[in-house]
Amino acid sequence: MTTHQLKLATEPFAAIASGRKTIESRLYDTKRQKIQIGDRIIFTNRDNSEQTVTTEVVGLLRYATFRDLFSHNNPRKFGSDNVEWLENQISEFYSIEDQKIYGVIGIEFRVCQ
């Protein structure tokens, strides 16, 4: 089991801490390719590094694009009711070109007690 560190803005961090968000979406780059089921991820609030949530990876959802990932899964698991909103949010971080190069991953997790 490996422990990974991921930083999040306050809103998605709070959604994970409250249990509303159970899938984190990222580019499937070399860093995320190392994540395996059973690994732990420590999410840190980017705006307050003392706030952390430890989770266990329970699923890995590979897709070609974020549109595919969000469309084939319940958007509530990503912290929203709306696929279009999720796509707009993620487009601020990842280009279509990068999605074509790497693909994307939905990292499904449960909060550790």
N, C-alpha and C. Protein backbone atom coordinates (compact mmCIF):
# COMPACT_ATOMS: atom_id res chain seq x y z
N MET A 1 0.84 -1.18 0.00
CA MET A 1 0.00 0.00 0.00
C MET A 1 0.88 1.24 0.00
N THR A 2 0.56 2.17 -0.90
CA THR A 2 1.27 3.43 -1.01
C THR A 2 0.35 4.57 -0.58
N THR A 3 0.93 5.60 0.01
CA THR A 3 0.16 6.78 0.38
C THR A 3 0.53 7.91 -0.57
N HIS A 4 -0.49 8.53 -1.17
CA HIS A 4 -0.32 9.63 -2.12
C HIS A 4 -0.86 10.91 -1.48
N GLN A 5 -0.36 12.03 -1.94
CA GLN A 5 -0.79 13.34 -1.45
C GLN A 5 -1.42 14.11 -2.61
N LEU A 6 -2.62 14.65 -2.40
CA LEU A 6 -3.27 15.49 -3.40
C LEU A 6 -3.81 16.74 -2.72
N LYS A 7 -3.59 17.90 -3.33
CA LYS A 7 -4.09 19.16 -2.80
C LYS A 7 -5.35 19.55 -3.54
N LEU A 8 -6.29 20.14 -2.80
CA LEU A 8 -7.56 20.57 -3.36
C LEU A 8 -7.92 21.96 -2.87
N ALA A 9 -8.69 22.68 -3.67
CA ALA A 9 -9.27 23.95 -3.23
C ALA A 9 -10.27 23.67 -2.11
N THR A 10 -10.65 24.69 -1.39
CA THR A 10 -11.49 24.53 -0.20
C THR A 10 -12.82 23.85 -0.50
N GLU A 11 -13.51 24.23 -1.57
CA GLU A 11 -14.83 23.67 -1.86
C GLU A 11 -14.80 22.16 -2.11
N PRO A 12 -13.96 21.66 -3.03
CA PRO A 12 -13.92 20.20 -3.20
C PRO A 12 -13.37 19.48 -1.97
N PHE A 13 -12.46 20.11 -1.25
CA PHE A 13 -11.96 19.50 -0.02
C PHE A 13 -13.09 19.31 0.98
N ALA A 14 -13.91 20.34 1.15
CA ALA A 14 -15.04 20.27 2.08
C ALA A 14 -16.04 19.20 1.65
N ALA A 15 -16.24 19.06 0.34
CA ALA A 15 -17.16 18.03 -0.16
C ALA A 15 -16.66 16.63 0.17
N ILE A 16 -15.36 16.42 0.11
CA ILE A 16 -14.78 15.12 0.49
C ILE A 16 -14.90 14.91 1.99
N ALA A 17 -14.54 15.93 2.77
CA ALA A 17 -14.58 15.82 4.23
C ALA A 17 -15.99 15.53 4.74
N SER A 18 -17.00 16.06 4.05
CA SER A 18 -18.39 15.86 4.48
C SER A 18 -18.99 14.55 3.94
N GLY A 19 -18.27 13.90 3.00
CA GLY A 19 -18.78 12.66 2.41
C GLY A 19 -19.63 12.86 1.17
N ARG A 20 -19.82 14.12 0.73
CA ARG A 20 -20.62 14.39 -0.47
C ARG A 20 -19.89 14.01 -1.75
N LYS A 21 -18.58 14.07 -1.74
CA LYS A 21 -17.77 13.76 -2.92
C LYS A 21 -16.99 12.48 -2.66
N THR A 22 -17.16 11.48 -3.55
CA THR A 22 -16.49 10.19 -3.35
C THR A 22 -15.63 9.77 -4.54
N ILE A 23 -15.53 10.64 -5.56
CA ILE A 23 -14.65 10.38 -6.70
C ILE A 23 -13.90 11.67 -7.02
N GLU A 24 -12.60 11.57 -7.10
CA GLU A 24 -11.75 12.69 -7.52
C GLU A 24 -11.34 12.44 -8.97
N SER A 25 -11.50 13.44 -9.82
CA SER A 25 -11.16 13.31 -11.24
C SER A 25 -9.84 14.01 -11.52
N ARG A 26 -8.97 13.29 -12.21
CA ARG A 26 -7.65 13.82 -12.56
C ARG A 26 -7.23 13.31 -13.94
N LEU A 27 -6.24 13.97 -14.50
CA LEU A 27 -5.60 13.48 -15.71
C LEU A 27 -4.87 12.19 -15.37
N TYR A 28 -4.86 11.23 -16.27
CA TYR A 28 -4.18 9.96 -16.00
C TYR A 28 -2.71 10.06 -16.43
N ASP A 29 -2.01 11.01 -15.82
CA ASP A 29 -0.60 11.24 -16.11
C ASP A 29 0.27 10.26 -15.32
N THR A 30 1.57 10.40 -15.41
CA THR A 30 2.46 9.43 -14.77
C THR A 30 2.29 9.40 -13.25
N LYS A 31 1.97 10.53 -12.64
CA LYS A 31 1.75 10.57 -11.20
C LYS A 31 0.53 9.73 -10.81
N ARG A 32 -0.59 9.90 -11.54
CA ARG A 32 -1.81 9.17 -11.21
C ARG A 32 -1.77 7.71 -11.65
N GLN A 33 -0.91 7.37 -12.58
CA GLN A 33 -0.77 5.98 -13.00
C GLN A 33 -0.21 5.10 -11.89
N LYS A 34 0.39 5.71 -10.89
CA LYS A 34 0.95 4.96 -9.76
C LYS A 34 -0.10 4.59 -8.71
N ILE A 35 -1.28 5.19 -8.78
CA ILE A 35 -2.33 4.95 -7.79
C ILE A 35 -2.99 3.60 -8.06
N GLN A 36 -3.11 2.79 -7.01
CA GLN A 36 -3.70 1.46 -7.11
C GLN A 36 -4.84 1.32 -6.09
N ILE A 37 -5.76 0.41 -6.36
CA ILE A 37 -6.81 0.10 -5.39
C ILE A 37 -6.15 -0.38 -4.10
N GLY A 38 -6.63 0.12 -2.97
CA GLY A 38 -6.05 -0.21 -1.67
C GLY A 38 -5.07 0.83 -1.17
N ASP A 39 -4.57 1.69 -2.07
CA ASP A 39 -3.67 2.77 -1.64
C ASP A 39 -4.45 3.80 -0.83
N ARG A 40 -3.72 4.62 -0.12
CA ARG A 40 -4.33 5.72 0.63
C ARG A 40 -3.99 7.03 -0.09
N ILE A 41 -4.93 7.95 0.00
CA ILE A 41 -4.70 9.31 -0.50
C ILE A 41 -5.00 10.26 0.65
N ILE A 42 -4.05 11.14 0.93
CA ILE A 42 -4.27 12.19 1.90
C ILE A 42 -4.57 13.46 1.11
N PHE A 43 -5.82 13.91 1.20
CA PHE A 43 -6.23 15.16 0.57
C PHE A 43 -5.95 16.29 1.54
N THR A 44 -5.33 17.35 1.03
CA THR A 44 -5.00 18.52 1.83
C THR A 44 -5.69 19.74 1.26
N ASN A 45 -6.28 20.54 2.12
CA ASN A 45 -6.90 21.79 1.71
C ASN A 45 -5.78 22.76 1.30
N ARG A 46 -5.78 23.16 0.06
CA ARG A 46 -4.75 24.05 -0.47
C ARG A 46 -4.70 25.38 0.29
N ASP A 47 -5.85 25.82 0.82
CA ASP A 47 -5.92 27.10 1.52
C ASP A 47 -5.62 27.01 3.01
N ASN A 48 -5.58 25.78 3.53
CA ASN A 48 -5.26 25.57 4.95
C ASN A 48 -4.62 24.19 5.06
N SER A 49 -3.31 24.14 4.97
CA SER A 49 -2.59 22.86 4.88
C SER A 49 -2.71 22.01 6.15
N GLU A 50 -3.27 22.56 7.21
CA GLU A 50 -3.49 21.76 8.41
C GLU A 50 -4.74 20.90 8.30
N GLN A 51 -5.59 21.20 7.33
CA GLN A 51 -6.81 20.41 7.11
C GLN A 51 -6.51 19.29 6.13
N THR A 52 -6.65 18.05 6.59
CA THR A 52 -6.42 16.89 5.74
C THR A 52 -7.53 15.86 5.95
N VAL A 53 -7.73 15.03 4.93
CA VAL A 53 -8.64 13.90 5.00
C VAL A 53 -7.92 12.70 4.40
N THR A 54 -7.85 11.61 5.14
CA THR A 54 -7.21 10.39 4.66
C THR A 54 -8.29 9.46 4.09
N THR A 55 -8.03 8.96 2.88
CA THR A 55 -8.99 8.09 2.20
C THR A 55 -8.30 6.83 1.71
N GLU A 56 -9.11 5.82 1.40
CA GLU A 56 -8.62 4.59 0.79
C GLU A 56 -9.22 4.46 -0.60
N VAL A 57 -8.38 4.16 -1.59
CA VAL A 57 -8.84 4.00 -2.98
C VAL A 57 -9.61 2.69 -3.09
N VAL A 58 -10.86 2.78 -3.56
CA VAL A 58 -11.70 1.59 -3.72
C VAL A 58 -12.06 1.31 -5.17
N GLY A 59 -11.74 2.23 -6.08
CA GLY A 59 -12.04 2.02 -7.48
C GLY A 59 -11.26 2.98 -8.35
N LEU A 60 -10.96 2.55 -9.57
CA LEU A 60 -10.27 3.39 -10.56
C LEU A 60 -11.07 3.33 -11.86
N LEU A 61 -11.54 4.48 -12.31
CA LEU A 61 -12.41 4.57 -13.47
C LEU A 61 -11.67 5.25 -14.61
N ARG A 62 -11.24 4.49 -15.60
CA ARG A 62 -10.46 5.04 -16.72
C ARG A 62 -11.38 5.40 -17.88
N TYR A 63 -11.18 6.60 -18.41
CA TYR A 63 -11.94 7.09 -19.56
C TYR A 63 -11.04 7.91 -20.45
N ALA A 64 -11.49 8.13 -21.69
CA ALA A 64 -10.71 8.93 -22.63
C ALA A 64 -10.80 10.42 -22.31
N THR A 65 -11.98 10.87 -21.86
CA THR A 65 -12.19 12.29 -21.58
C THR A 65 -12.98 12.47 -20.29
N PHE A 66 -12.92 13.67 -19.75
CA PHE A 66 -13.72 13.97 -18.56
C PHE A 66 -15.21 13.93 -18.89
N ARG A 67 -15.58 14.34 -20.10
CA ARG A 67 -16.99 14.26 -20.51
C ARG A 67 -17.49 12.83 -20.37
N ASP A 68 -16.69 11.87 -20.86
CA ASP A 68 -17.08 10.45 -20.75
C ASP A 68 -17.17 10.02 -19.29
N LEU A 69 -16.18 10.39 -18.50
CA LEU A 69 -16.15 10.03 -17.08
C LEU A 69 -17.39 10.55 -16.36
N PHE A 70 -17.69 11.83 -16.54
CA PHE A 70 -18.83 12.44 -15.85
C PHE A 70 -20.16 11.91 -16.37
N SER A 71 -20.25 11.64 -17.67
CA SER A 71 -21.50 11.18 -18.27
C SER A 71 -21.86 9.75 -17.89
N HIS A 72 -20.86 8.92 -17.62
CA HIS A 72 -21.09 7.52 -17.33
C HIS A 72 -21.17 7.21 -15.84
N ASN A 73 -21.10 8.23 -15.01
CA ASN A 73 -21.15 8.05 -13.56
C ASN A 73 -22.07 9.11 -12.96
N ASN A 74 -22.57 8.84 -11.77
CA ASN A 74 -23.46 9.78 -11.10
C ASN A 74 -22.68 11.06 -10.77
N PRO A 75 -23.07 12.22 -11.30
CA PRO A 75 -22.31 13.44 -11.03
C PRO A 75 -22.24 13.81 -9.55
N ARG A 76 -23.17 13.32 -8.75
CA ARG A 76 -23.13 13.61 -7.31
C ARG A 76 -21.87 13.03 -6.66
N LYS A 77 -21.37 11.93 -7.22
CA LYS A 77 -20.15 11.34 -6.67
C LYS A 77 -18.94 12.25 -6.86
N PHE A 78 -19.06 13.20 -7.81
CA PHE A 78 -18.00 14.18 -8.06
C PHE A 78 -18.26 15.50 -7.33
N GLY A 79 -19.36 15.54 -6.57
CA GLY A 79 -19.68 16.73 -5.80
C GLY A 79 -20.60 17.72 -6.49
N SER A 80 -21.32 17.29 -7.55
CA SER A 80 -22.22 18.19 -8.26
C SER A 80 -23.42 17.41 -8.79
N ASP A 81 -24.48 18.14 -9.11
CA ASP A 81 -25.65 17.52 -9.73
C ASP A 81 -25.61 17.64 -11.25
N ASN A 82 -24.61 18.33 -11.79
CA ASN A 82 -24.66 18.74 -13.17
C ASN A 82 -23.37 18.40 -13.92
N VAL A 83 -23.49 17.57 -14.96
CA VAL A 83 -22.33 17.16 -15.76
C VAL A 83 -21.67 18.35 -16.44
N GLU A 84 -22.47 19.27 -16.98
CA GLU A 84 -21.91 20.43 -17.68
C GLU A 84 -21.09 21.31 -16.72
N TRP A 85 -21.60 21.49 -15.50
CA TRP A 85 -20.86 22.27 -14.51
C TRP A 85 -19.51 21.61 -14.22
N LEU A 86 -19.53 20.28 -14.05
CA LEU A 86 -18.28 19.56 -13.79
C LEU A 86 -17.29 19.74 -14.94
N GLU A 87 -17.79 19.64 -16.17
CA GLU A 87 -16.92 19.82 -17.34
C GLU A 87 -16.31 21.22 -17.37
N ASN A 88 -17.12 22.23 -17.08
CA ASN A 88 -16.60 23.60 -17.06
C ASN A 88 -15.54 23.79 -15.99
N GLN A 89 -15.76 23.22 -14.82
CA GLN A 89 -14.79 23.33 -13.73
C GLN A 89 -13.46 22.67 -14.10
N ILE A 90 -13.53 21.46 -14.62
CA ILE A 90 -12.30 20.70 -14.90
C ILE A 90 -11.53 21.31 -16.08
N SER A 91 -12.25 21.99 -16.99
CA SER A 91 -11.57 22.60 -18.15
C SER A 91 -10.65 23.74 -17.74
N GLU A 92 -10.83 24.27 -16.53
CA GLU A 92 -9.92 25.29 -16.02
C GLU A 92 -8.54 24.72 -15.70
N PHE A 93 -8.47 23.40 -15.50
CA PHE A 93 -7.22 22.76 -15.10
C PHE A 93 -6.59 21.92 -16.21
N TYR A 94 -7.43 21.26 -17.03
CA TYR A 94 -6.91 20.31 -18.01
C TYR A 94 -7.48 20.58 -19.39
N SER A 95 -6.60 20.65 -20.37
CA SER A 95 -7.03 20.91 -21.75
C SER A 95 -7.50 19.62 -22.42
N ILE A 96 -8.27 19.78 -23.49
CA ILE A 96 -8.69 18.63 -24.31
C ILE A 96 -7.46 17.92 -24.86
N GLU A 97 -6.43 18.67 -25.22
CA GLU A 97 -5.20 18.08 -25.76
C GLU A 97 -4.55 17.14 -24.75
N ASP A 98 -4.47 17.59 -23.49
CA ASP A 98 -3.89 16.74 -22.44
C ASP A 98 -4.75 15.50 -22.21
N GLN A 99 -6.06 15.66 -22.28
CA GLN A 99 -6.95 14.50 -22.12
C GLN A 99 -6.70 13.47 -23.22
N LYS A 100 -6.46 13.95 -24.45
CA LYS A 100 -6.19 13.04 -25.56
C LYS A 100 -4.85 12.33 -25.39
N ILE A 101 -3.88 13.01 -24.80
CA ILE A 101 -2.56 12.42 -24.60
C ILE A 101 -2.59 11.37 -23.49
N TYR A 102 -3.17 11.71 -22.33
CA TYR A 102 -3.08 10.87 -21.14
C TYR A 102 -4.33 10.05 -20.83
N GLY A 103 -5.50 10.53 -21.26
CA GLY A 103 -6.74 9.96 -20.76
C GLY A 103 -7.01 10.52 -19.38
N VAL A 104 -8.10 10.08 -18.76
CA VAL A 104 -8.47 10.60 -17.45
C VAL A 104 -8.79 9.45 -16.51
N ILE A 105 -8.81 9.76 -15.22
CA ILE A 105 -9.10 8.75 -14.20
C ILE A 105 -10.05 9.34 -13.17
N GLY A 106 -11.01 8.54 -12.78
CA GLY A 106 -11.84 8.86 -11.63
C GLY A 106 -11.35 7.99 -10.49
N ILE A 107 -10.87 8.60 -9.44
CA ILE A 107 -10.33 7.86 -8.30
C ILE A 107 -11.44 7.77 -7.26
N GLU A 108 -12.02 6.58 -7.13
CA GLU A 108 -13.11 6.38 -6.17
C GLU A 108 -12.51 6.00 -4.82
N PHE A 109 -13.01 6.62 -3.75
CA PHE A 109 -12.40 6.41 -2.44
C PHE A 109 -13.46 6.40 -1.35
N ARG A 110 -13.02 5.95 -0.19
CA ARG A 110 -13.84 6.07 1.03
C ARG A 110 -12.96 6.71 2.08
N VAL A 111 -13.58 7.54 2.91
CA VAL A 111 -12.85 8.22 3.97
C VAL A 111 -12.51 7.21 5.05
N CYS A 112 -11.27 7.23 5.50
CA CYS A 112 -10.82 6.34 6.57
C CYS A 112 -11.23 6.92 7.92
N GLN A 113 -11.59 6.05 8.82
CA GLN A 113 -12.01 6.50 10.16
C GLN A 113 -10.82 6.66 11.07
